[in-house]
Amino acid sequence: MPEPEVRLQGVSKRYGAAVVLRDLDLDIRAGDFVGLAGVNGAGKTTLLKCLLDLCDLNAGTIEIHGIAHRRPESRGRLAYLPERFVAPYFLTGREFLAMMRQLSGRRYDDAAARRMLEFLDLNAGALGKPVRAYSKGMTQKLGLAACFLAEREFCILDEPMSGLDPKARACVKALLQRQRSEGRTVLLTAHSLPDIEEICDHIAVLHDGRLAFYGPPGALLRQYGETSLEQAFLKCIVTDECHA
């Protein structure tokens, strides 16, 4: 069996006396689409920050493509969209996308950028506008465009549907399905369990810093005898509290 694309072993993280992640183990294999689910404060964003070496671990190890996560080359094949994405306000959309392409070692292609914006239901005229004039939804689409134009093997998306209207959400889901068909790996967080059920082939339920469940959404339904992922999720975190 091939090595996982991402491996977390015994990962723990605390801020002062507050323990956010507790001895967490998780393997993500190439081509997996994994949705992180949990109540507010469960540790989802902290887990992503640890993975990206944006904060120190208190214990444990993380490897990306077999490389220790502290080494910059471990992140050379991934793209990341933070939860509160804000592009530099003084750039136009085109300047931002061109800068991100340059940082990823690729030449900017205006035609490809226009096609990506069209796919995301964002008028290509936005390329010439300063980012400070963008709405929340437009800004989110620009961030998603930058991620997918990077053409990396592994995408980490923190609440990618934030600020998007129903049409744009459908566009993003279609784009993610295209990423799946191309064999890419995606790790995303979402408050919407139906979104995870529709997009992802694995769900990781975090609760109180622990991994309460990891597997296909259908397995979570069967484990708790439910037909609704939301009800199965609720039973899962209650059970995790009882076992803590």
C-alpha atoms as a PDB file:
ATOM      1  CA  MET A   1       0.000   0.000   0.000  1.00  0.00           C
ATOM      2  CA  PRO A   2       1.456   3.434  -0.920  1.00  0.00           C
ATOM      3  CA  GLU A   3       2.465   5.868   1.786  1.00  0.00           C
ATOM      4  CA  PRO A   4      -0.218   8.422   2.716  1.00  0.00           C
ATOM      5  CA  GLU A   5      -0.017  11.878   1.204  1.00  0.00           C
ATOM      6  CA  VAL A   6      -0.453  13.356   4.682  1.00  0.00           C
ATOM      7  CA  ARG A   7       0.311  11.638   8.003  1.00  0.00           C
ATOM      8  CA  LEU A   8      -0.322  13.076  11.459  1.00  0.00           C
ATOM      9  CA  GLN A   9       0.874  11.016  14.424  1.00  0.00           C
ATOM     10  CA  GLY A  10       0.254  11.905  18.058  1.00  0.00           C
ATOM     11  CA  VAL A  11      -0.345  15.566  17.219  1.00  0.00           C
ATOM     12  CA  SER A  12      -1.139  17.730  20.236  1.00  0.00           C
ATOM     13  CA  LYS A  13      -1.496  21.495  20.425  1.00  0.00           C
ATOM     14  CA  ARG A  14      -2.356  23.816  23.274  1.00  0.00           C
ATOM     15  CA  TYR A  15      -2.534  27.552  23.748  1.00  0.00           C
ATOM     16  CA  GLY A  16      -1.525  28.172  27.343  1.00  0.00           C
ATOM     17  CA  ALA A  17      -3.740  25.954  29.483  1.00  0.00           C
ATOM     18  CA  ALA A  18      -6.249  25.385  26.673  1.00  0.00           C
ATOM     19  CA  VAL A  19      -5.713  22.039  24.906  1.00  0.00           C
ATOM     20  CA  VAL A  20      -6.906  22.300  21.299  1.00  0.00           C
ATOM     21  CA  LEU A  21      -5.642  19.031  19.748  1.00  0.00           C
ATOM     22  CA  ARG A  22      -5.118  15.840  21.747  1.00  0.00           C
ATOM     23  CA  ASP A  23      -2.865  13.019  20.504  1.00  0.00           C
ATOM     24  CA  LEU A  24      -4.398  13.081  17.027  1.00  0.00           C
ATOM     25  CA  ASP A  25      -3.577  10.472  14.353  1.00  0.00           C
ATOM     26  CA  LEU A  26      -4.757  10.901  10.757  1.00  0.00           C
ATOM     27  CA  ASP A  27      -3.697   9.535   7.361  1.00  0.00           C
ATOM     28  CA  ILE A  28      -4.898  11.080   4.094  1.00  0.00           C
ATOM     29  CA  ARG A  29      -4.125   9.170   0.911  1.00  0.00           C
ATOM     30  CA  ALA A  30      -3.586  10.542  -2.574  1.00  0.00           C
ATOM     31  CA  GLY A  31      -6.890  11.236  -4.330  1.00  0.00           C
ATOM     32  CA  ASP A  32      -8.922  11.396  -1.097  1.00  0.00           C
ATOM     33  CA  PHE A  33     -11.438  14.178  -0.553  1.00  0.00           C
ATOM     34  CA  VAL A  34     -11.628  14.680   3.215  1.00  0.00           C
ATOM     35  CA  GLY A  35     -14.062  16.948   5.053  1.00  0.00           C
ATOM     36  CA  LEU A  36     -13.230  18.142   8.565  1.00  0.00           C
ATOM     37  CA  ALA A  37     -16.375  18.556  10.652  1.00  0.00           C
ATOM     38  CA  GLY A  38     -16.824  19.767  14.197  1.00  0.00           C
ATOM     39  CA  VAL A  39     -18.523  22.357  16.364  1.00  0.00           C
ATOM     40  CA  ASN A  40     -16.906  25.768  16.759  1.00  0.00           C
ATOM     41  CA  GLY A  41     -13.691  25.392  18.729  1.00  0.00           C
ATOM     42  CA  ALA A  42     -13.289  21.697  17.915  1.00  0.00           C
ATOM     43  CA  GLY A  43      -9.800  22.307  16.497  1.00  0.00           C
ATOM     44  CA  LYS A  44     -10.412  22.269  12.730  1.00  0.00           C
ATOM     45  CA  THR A  45      -8.568  25.470  11.818  1.00  0.00           C
ATOM     46  CA  THR A  46      -5.823  24.751  14.358  1.00  0.00           C
ATOM     47  CA  LEU A  47      -5.264  21.369  12.730  1.00  0.00           C
ATOM     48  CA  LEU A  48      -4.803  23.084   9.345  1.00  0.00           C
ATOM     49  CA  LYS A  49      -2.426  25.646  10.867  1.00  0.00           C
ATOM     50  CA  CYS A  50      -0.355  22.855  12.394  1.00  0.00           C
ATOM     51  CA  LEU A  51      -0.286  21.024   9.080  1.00  0.00           C
ATOM     52  CA  LEU A  52       0.953  24.159   7.307  1.00  0.00           C
ATOM     53  CA  ASP A  53       3.540  24.940  10.021  1.00  0.00           C
ATOM     54  CA  LEU A  54       1.759  28.181  10.903  1.00  0.00           C
ATOM     55  CA  CYS A  55       1.994  27.238  14.577  1.00  0.00           C
ATOM     56  CA  ASP A  56       4.233  24.956  16.615  1.00  0.00           C
ATOM     57  CA  LEU A  57       3.208  21.493  17.801  1.00  0.00           C
ATOM     58  CA  ASN A  58       3.427  20.593  21.467  1.00  0.00           C
ATOM     59  CA  ALA A  59       3.803  16.919  20.585  1.00  0.00           C
ATOM     60  CA  GLY A  60       3.665  14.584  17.601  1.00  0.00           C
ATOM     61  CA  THR A  61       4.813  14.636  13.990  1.00  0.00           C
ATOM     62  CA  ILE A  62       3.353  15.601  10.619  1.00  0.00           C
ATOM     63  CA  GLU A  63       4.561  14.513   7.192  1.00  0.00           C
ATOM     64  CA  ILE A  64       3.369  15.789   3.803  1.00  0.00           C
ATOM     65  CA  HIS A  65       4.421  13.697   0.806  1.00  0.00           C
ATOM     66  CA  GLY A  66       6.784  11.899   3.166  1.00  0.00           C
ATOM     67  CA  ILE A  67       8.556  15.137   4.161  1.00  0.00           C
ATOM     68  CA  ALA A  68       8.527  16.619   7.678  1.00  0.00           C
ATOM     69  CA  HIS A  69       6.047  19.492   7.706  1.00  0.00           C
ATOM     70  CA  ARG A  70       8.608  21.920   9.151  1.00  0.00           C
ATOM     71  CA  ARG A  71      10.602  21.746   5.906  1.00  0.00           C
ATOM     72  CA  PRO A  72       9.379  24.265   3.283  1.00  0.00           C
ATOM     73  CA  GLU A  73       9.637  21.705   0.473  1.00  0.00           C
ATOM     74  CA  SER A  74       6.837  19.691   2.135  1.00  0.00           C
ATOM     75  CA  ARG A  75       4.440  22.434   1.018  1.00  0.00           C
ATOM     76  CA  GLY A  76       5.786  22.711  -2.515  1.00  0.00           C
ATOM     77  CA  ARG A  77       2.944  20.644  -3.974  1.00  0.00           C
ATOM     78  CA  LEU A  78      -0.031  22.139  -2.149  1.00  0.00           C
ATOM     79  CA  ALA A  79      -2.317  25.174  -2.369  1.00  0.00           C
ATOM     80  CA  TYR A  80      -4.122  26.749   0.604  1.00  0.00           C
ATOM     81  CA  LEU A  81      -7.188  28.949   0.995  1.00  0.00           C
ATOM     82  CA  PRO A  82      -7.530  30.359   4.547  1.00  0.00           C
ATOM     83  CA  GLU A  83     -10.901  30.776   6.225  1.00  0.00           C
ATOM     84  CA  ARG A  84     -10.682  34.580   6.203  1.00  0.00           C
ATOM     85  CA  PHE A  85      -9.087  35.109   2.820  1.00  0.00           C
ATOM     86  CA  VAL A  86      -8.210  38.737   2.025  1.00  0.00           C
ATOM     87  CA  ALA A  87      -6.089  39.623  -0.999  1.00  0.00           C
ATOM     88  CA  PRO A  88      -3.824  42.716  -0.845  1.00  0.00           C
ATOM     89  CA  TYR A  89      -6.291  45.587  -1.257  1.00  0.00           C
ATOM     90  CA  PHE A  90      -3.975  47.650  -3.466  1.00  0.00           C
ATOM     91  CA  LEU A  91      -3.762  44.987  -6.217  1.00  0.00           C
ATOM     92  CA  THR A  92      -6.188  44.341  -9.039  1.00  0.00           C
ATOM     93  CA  GLY A  93      -7.572  40.838  -9.427  1.00  0.00           C
ATOM     94  CA  ARG A  94      -5.256  40.260 -12.377  1.00  0.00           C
ATOM     95  CA  GLU A  95      -2.199  41.462 -10.457  1.00  0.00           C
ATOM     96  CA  PHE A  96      -3.045  39.164  -7.550  1.00  0.00           C
ATOM     97  CA  LEU A  97      -3.486  36.087  -9.746  1.00  0.00           C
ATOM     98  CA  ALA A  98      -0.315  36.907 -11.673  1.00  0.00           C
ATOM     99  CA  MET A  99       1.616  37.259  -8.409  1.00  0.00           C
ATOM    100  CA  MET A 100       0.308  33.921  -7.118  1.00  0.00           C
ATOM    101  CA  ARG A 101       1.212  32.177 -10.384  1.00  0.00           C
ATOM    102  CA  GLN A 102       4.703  33.648 -10.172  1.00  0.00           C
ATOM    103  CA  LEU A 103       5.083  32.429  -6.589  1.00  0.00           C
ATOM    104  CA  SER A 104       4.097  28.931  -7.726  1.00  0.00           C
ATOM    105  CA  GLY A 105       6.754  29.064 -10.435  1.00  0.00           C
ATOM    106  CA  ARG A 106       4.340  29.305 -13.347  1.00  0.00           C
ATOM    107  CA  ARG A 107       3.667  31.900 -16.027  1.00  0.00           C
ATOM    108  CA  TYR A 108       0.423  33.874 -15.753  1.00  0.00           C
ATOM    109  CA  ASP A 109      -2.101  33.037 -18.487  1.00  0.00           C
ATOM    110  CA  ASP A 110      -4.846  35.644 -18.801  1.00  0.00           C
ATOM    111  CA  ALA A 111      -7.056  33.370 -20.901  1.00  0.00           C
ATOM    112  CA  ALA A 112      -6.835  30.615 -18.270  1.00  0.00           C
ATOM    113  CA  ALA A 113      -7.648  33.146 -15.529  1.00  0.00           C
ATOM    114  CA  ARG A 114     -10.707  34.318 -17.462  1.00  0.00           C
ATOM    115  CA  ARG A 115     -11.898  30.729 -17.944  1.00  0.00           C
ATOM    116  CA  MET A 116     -11.466  30.013 -14.243  1.00  0.00           C
ATOM    117  CA  LEU A 117     -13.430  33.124 -13.232  1.00  0.00           C
ATOM    118  CA  GLU A 118     -16.169  32.194 -15.693  1.00  0.00           C
ATOM    119  CA  PHE A 119     -16.302  28.712 -14.177  1.00  0.00           C
ATOM    120  CA  LEU A 120     -16.681  30.324 -10.726  1.00  0.00           C
ATOM    121  CA  ASP A 121     -19.420  32.678 -11.974  1.00  0.00           C
ATOM    122  CA  LEU A 122     -17.261  35.804 -11.566  1.00  0.00           C
ATOM    123  CA  ASN A 123     -17.281  38.322 -14.400  1.00  0.00           C
ATOM    124  CA  ALA A 124     -13.874  38.505 -16.051  1.00  0.00           C
ATOM    125  CA  GLY A 125     -14.105  42.303 -15.786  1.00  0.00           C
ATOM    126  CA  ALA A 126     -13.211  41.841 -12.104  1.00  0.00           C
ATOM    127  CA  LEU A 127      -9.630  41.151 -13.195  1.00  0.00           C
ATOM    128  CA  GLY A 128      -9.100  44.835 -13.885  1.00  0.00           C
ATOM    129  CA  LYS A 129     -10.734  46.060 -10.664  1.00  0.00           C
ATOM    130  CA  PRO A 130      -8.885  46.699  -7.386  1.00  0.00           C
ATOM    131  CA  VAL A 131      -9.506  44.004  -4.802  1.00  0.00           C
ATOM    132  CA  ARG A 132     -10.709  46.642  -2.324  1.00  0.00           C
ATOM    133  CA  ALA A 133     -13.797  47.078  -4.544  1.00  0.00           C
ATOM    134  CA  TYR A 134     -14.722  43.372  -4.338  1.00  0.00           C
ATOM    135  CA  SER A 135     -17.641  42.027  -2.342  1.00  0.00           C
ATOM    136  CA  LYS A 136     -17.121  39.155   0.111  1.00  0.00           C
ATOM    137  CA  GLY A 137     -18.308  36.641  -2.478  1.00  0.00           C
ATOM    138  CA  MET A 138     -16.070  38.076  -5.209  1.00  0.00           C
ATOM    139  CA  THR A 139     -13.067  37.956  -2.877  1.00  0.00           C
ATOM    140  CA  GLN A 140     -13.763  34.314  -2.019  1.00  0.00           C
ATOM    141  CA  LYS A 141     -13.998  33.414  -5.702  1.00  0.00           C
ATOM    142  CA  LEU A 142     -10.674  35.152  -6.365  1.00  0.00           C
ATOM    143  CA  GLY A 143      -9.038  33.086  -3.621  1.00  0.00           C
ATOM    144  CA  LEU A 144     -10.498  29.872  -5.018  1.00  0.00           C
ATOM    145  CA  ALA A 145      -9.334  30.839  -8.511  1.00  0.00           C
ATOM    146  CA  ALA A 146      -5.783  31.368  -7.219  1.00  0.00           C
ATOM    147  CA  CYS A 147      -5.808  27.946  -5.515  1.00  0.00           C
ATOM    148  CA  PHE A 148      -7.006  26.021  -8.531  1.00  0.00           C
ATOM    149  CA  LEU A 149      -4.894  27.945 -11.051  1.00  0.00           C
ATOM    150  CA  ALA A 150      -1.841  26.855  -9.036  1.00  0.00           C
ATOM    151  CA  GLU A 151      -2.533  23.298 -10.299  1.00  0.00           C
ATOM    152  CA  ARG A 152      -1.124  21.686  -7.176  1.00  0.00           C
ATOM    153  CA  GLU A 153      -1.652  18.041  -6.242  1.00  0.00           C
ATOM    154  CA  PHE A 154      -3.094  18.837  -2.805  1.00  0.00           C
ATOM    155  CA  CYS A 155      -5.569  21.607  -1.910  1.00  0.00           C
ATOM    156  CA  ILE A 156      -6.359  22.697   1.654  1.00  0.00           C
ATOM    157  CA  LEU A 157      -9.541  24.754   1.803  1.00  0.00           C
ATOM    158  CA  ASP A 158     -10.788  26.287   5.054  1.00  0.00           C
ATOM    159  CA  GLU A 159     -14.531  26.975   4.657  1.00  0.00           C
ATOM    160  CA  PRO A 160     -14.346  27.367   0.842  1.00  0.00           C
ATOM    161  CA  MET A 161     -18.099  28.070   0.546  1.00  0.00           C
ATOM    162  CA  SER A 162     -17.940  31.084   2.888  1.00  0.00           C
ATOM    163  CA  GLY A 163     -19.795  34.083   1.464  1.00  0.00           C
ATOM    164  CA  LEU A 164     -20.950  32.303  -1.692  1.00  0.00           C
ATOM    165  CA  ASP A 165     -24.501  32.394  -3.028  1.00  0.00           C
ATOM    166  CA  PRO A 166     -26.261  29.138  -4.087  1.00  0.00           C
ATOM    167  CA  LYS A 167     -25.213  29.458  -7.746  1.00  0.00           C
ATOM    168  CA  ALA A 168     -21.568  30.042  -6.828  1.00  0.00           C
ATOM    169  CA  ARG A 169     -21.647  27.116  -4.380  1.00  0.00           C
ATOM    170  CA  ALA A 170     -22.853  24.843  -7.179  1.00  0.00           C
ATOM    171  CA  CYS A 171     -20.029  26.144  -9.399  1.00  0.00           C
ATOM    172  CA  VAL A 172     -17.413  25.421  -6.722  1.00  0.00           C
ATOM    173  CA  LYS A 173     -18.777  21.905  -6.210  1.00  0.00           C
ATOM    174  CA  ALA A 174     -18.550  21.257  -9.953  1.00  0.00           C
ATOM    175  CA  LEU A 175     -14.981  22.569  -9.954  1.00  0.00           C
ATOM    176  CA  LEU A 176     -14.087  20.285  -7.041  1.00  0.00           C
ATOM    177  CA  GLN A 177     -15.507  17.321  -8.942  1.00  0.00           C
ATOM    178  CA  ARG A 178     -13.184  18.230 -11.798  1.00  0.00           C
ATOM    179  CA  GLN A 179     -10.274  18.249  -9.343  1.00  0.00           C
ATOM    180  CA  ARG A 180     -11.321  14.766  -8.220  1.00  0.00           C
ATOM    181  CA  SER A 181     -11.372  13.489 -11.814  1.00  0.00           C
ATOM    182  CA  GLU A 182      -7.811  14.794 -12.214  1.00  0.00           C
ATOM    183  CA  GLY A 183      -6.649  12.750  -9.200  1.00  0.00           C
ATOM    184  CA  ARG A 184      -6.014  15.646  -6.844  1.00  0.00           C
ATOM    185  CA  THR A 185      -6.329  15.448  -3.058  1.00  0.00           C
ATOM    186  CA  VAL A 186      -8.517  17.877  -1.101  1.00  0.00           C
ATOM    187  CA  LEU A 187      -8.793  18.568   2.616  1.00  0.00           C
ATOM    188  CA  LEU A 188     -11.545  21.026   3.499  1.00  0.00           C
ATOM    189  CA  THR A 189     -13.444  22.277   6.506  1.00  0.00           C
ATOM    190  CA  ALA A 190     -17.153  22.987   6.335  1.00  0.00           C
ATOM    191  CA  HIS A 191     -19.934  23.795   8.759  1.00  0.00           C
ATOM    192  CA  SER A 192     -22.406  22.313   6.275  1.00  0.00           C
ATOM    193  CA  LEU A 193     -22.538  18.539   6.724  1.00  0.00           C
ATOM    194  CA  PRO A 194     -24.603  18.100   3.525  1.00  0.00           C
ATOM    195  CA  ASP A 195     -21.744  19.802   1.640  1.00  0.00           C
ATOM    196  CA  ILE A 196     -19.257  17.311   3.105  1.00  0.00           C
ATOM    197  CA  GLU A 197     -21.562  14.417   2.270  1.00  0.00           C
ATOM    198  CA  GLU A 198     -21.890  15.630  -1.329  1.00  0.00           C
ATOM    199  CA  ILE A 199     -18.241  16.566  -1.942  1.00  0.00           C
ATOM    200  CA  CYS A 200     -16.105  14.282   0.212  1.00  0.00           C
ATOM    201  CA  ASP A 201     -15.463  10.535   0.284  1.00  0.00           C
ATOM    202  CA  HIS A 202     -14.185  10.725   3.884  1.00  0.00           C
ATOM    203  CA  ILE A 203     -15.339  12.698   6.902  1.00  0.00           C
ATOM    204  CA  ALA A 204     -13.135  13.436   9.918  1.00  0.00           C
ATOM    205  CA  VAL A 205     -15.165  14.416  12.972  1.00  0.00           C
ATOM    206  CA  LEU A 206     -13.156  16.471  15.452  1.00  0.00           C
ATOM    207  CA  HIS A 207     -14.522  16.948  18.924  1.00  0.00           C
ATOM    208  CA  ASP A 208     -12.769  18.465  21.906  1.00  0.00           C
ATOM    209  CA  GLY A 209      -9.479  18.153  20.040  1.00  0.00           C
ATOM    210  CA  ARG A 210      -9.864  14.421  19.388  1.00  0.00           C
ATOM    211  CA  LEU A 211     -10.622  12.517  16.202  1.00  0.00           C
ATOM    212  CA  ALA A 212     -14.018  11.083  17.094  1.00  0.00           C
ATOM    213  CA  PHE A 213     -14.569   9.427  13.699  1.00  0.00           C
ATOM    214  CA  TYR A 214     -12.783   8.984  10.381  1.00  0.00           C
ATOM    215  CA  GLY A 215     -14.204   7.184   7.376  1.00  0.00           C
ATOM    216  CA  PRO A 216     -16.789   7.450   4.588  1.00  0.00           C
ATOM    217  CA  PRO A 217     -19.925   9.462   5.443  1.00  0.00           C
ATOM    218  CA  GLY A 218     -21.996   6.315   4.836  1.00  0.00           C
ATOM    219  CA  ALA A 219     -20.016   4.479   7.509  1.00  0.00           C
ATOM    220  CA  LEU A 220     -20.833   7.227  10.020  1.00  0.00           C
ATOM    221  CA  LEU A 221     -24.530   6.824   9.179  1.00  0.00           C
ATOM    222  CA  ARG A 222     -24.367   3.042   9.644  1.00  0.00           C
ATOM    223  CA  GLN A 223     -22.379   3.250  12.872  1.00  0.00           C
ATOM    224  CA  TYR A 224     -25.066   5.363  14.530  1.00  0.00           C
ATOM    225  CA  GLY A 225     -28.108   3.911  12.750  1.00  0.00           C
ATOM    226  CA  GLU A 226     -29.122   7.203  11.147  1.00  0.00           C
ATOM    227  CA  THR A 227     -30.178   8.317   7.668  1.00  0.00           C
ATOM    228  CA  SER A 228     -29.215  11.956   8.331  1.00  0.00           C
ATOM    229  CA  LEU A 229     -25.512  12.861   8.540  1.00  0.00           C
ATOM    230  CA  GLU A 230     -26.378  15.667  10.958  1.00  0.00           C
ATOM    231  CA  GLN A 231     -28.047  13.258  13.383  1.00  0.00           C
ATOM    232  CA  ALA A 232     -25.177  10.775  13.072  1.00  0.00           C
ATOM    233  CA  PHE A 233     -22.707  13.614  13.752  1.00  0.00           C
ATOM    234  CA  LEU A 234     -24.609  14.648  16.889  1.00  0.00           C
ATOM    235  CA  LYS A 235     -24.601  11.068  18.203  1.00  0.00           C
ATOM    236  CA  CYS A 236     -20.899  10.792  17.413  1.00  0.00           C
ATOM    237  CA  ILE A 237     -19.853  13.825  19.441  1.00  0.00           C
ATOM    238  CA  VAL A 238     -22.124  12.855  22.369  1.00  0.00           C
ATOM    239  CA  THR A 239     -20.547   9.389  22.364  1.00  0.00           C
ATOM    240  CA  ASP A 240     -17.081  10.965  22.249  1.00  0.00           C
ATOM    241  CA  GLU A 241     -17.941  13.100  25.299  1.00  0.00           C
ATOM    242  CA  CYS A 242     -19.014   9.976  27.173  1.00  0.00           C
ATOM    243  CA  HIS A 243     -15.742   8.217  26.327  1.00  0.00           C
ATOM    244  CA  ALA A 244     -13.526  11.189  27.208  1.00  0.00           C
END
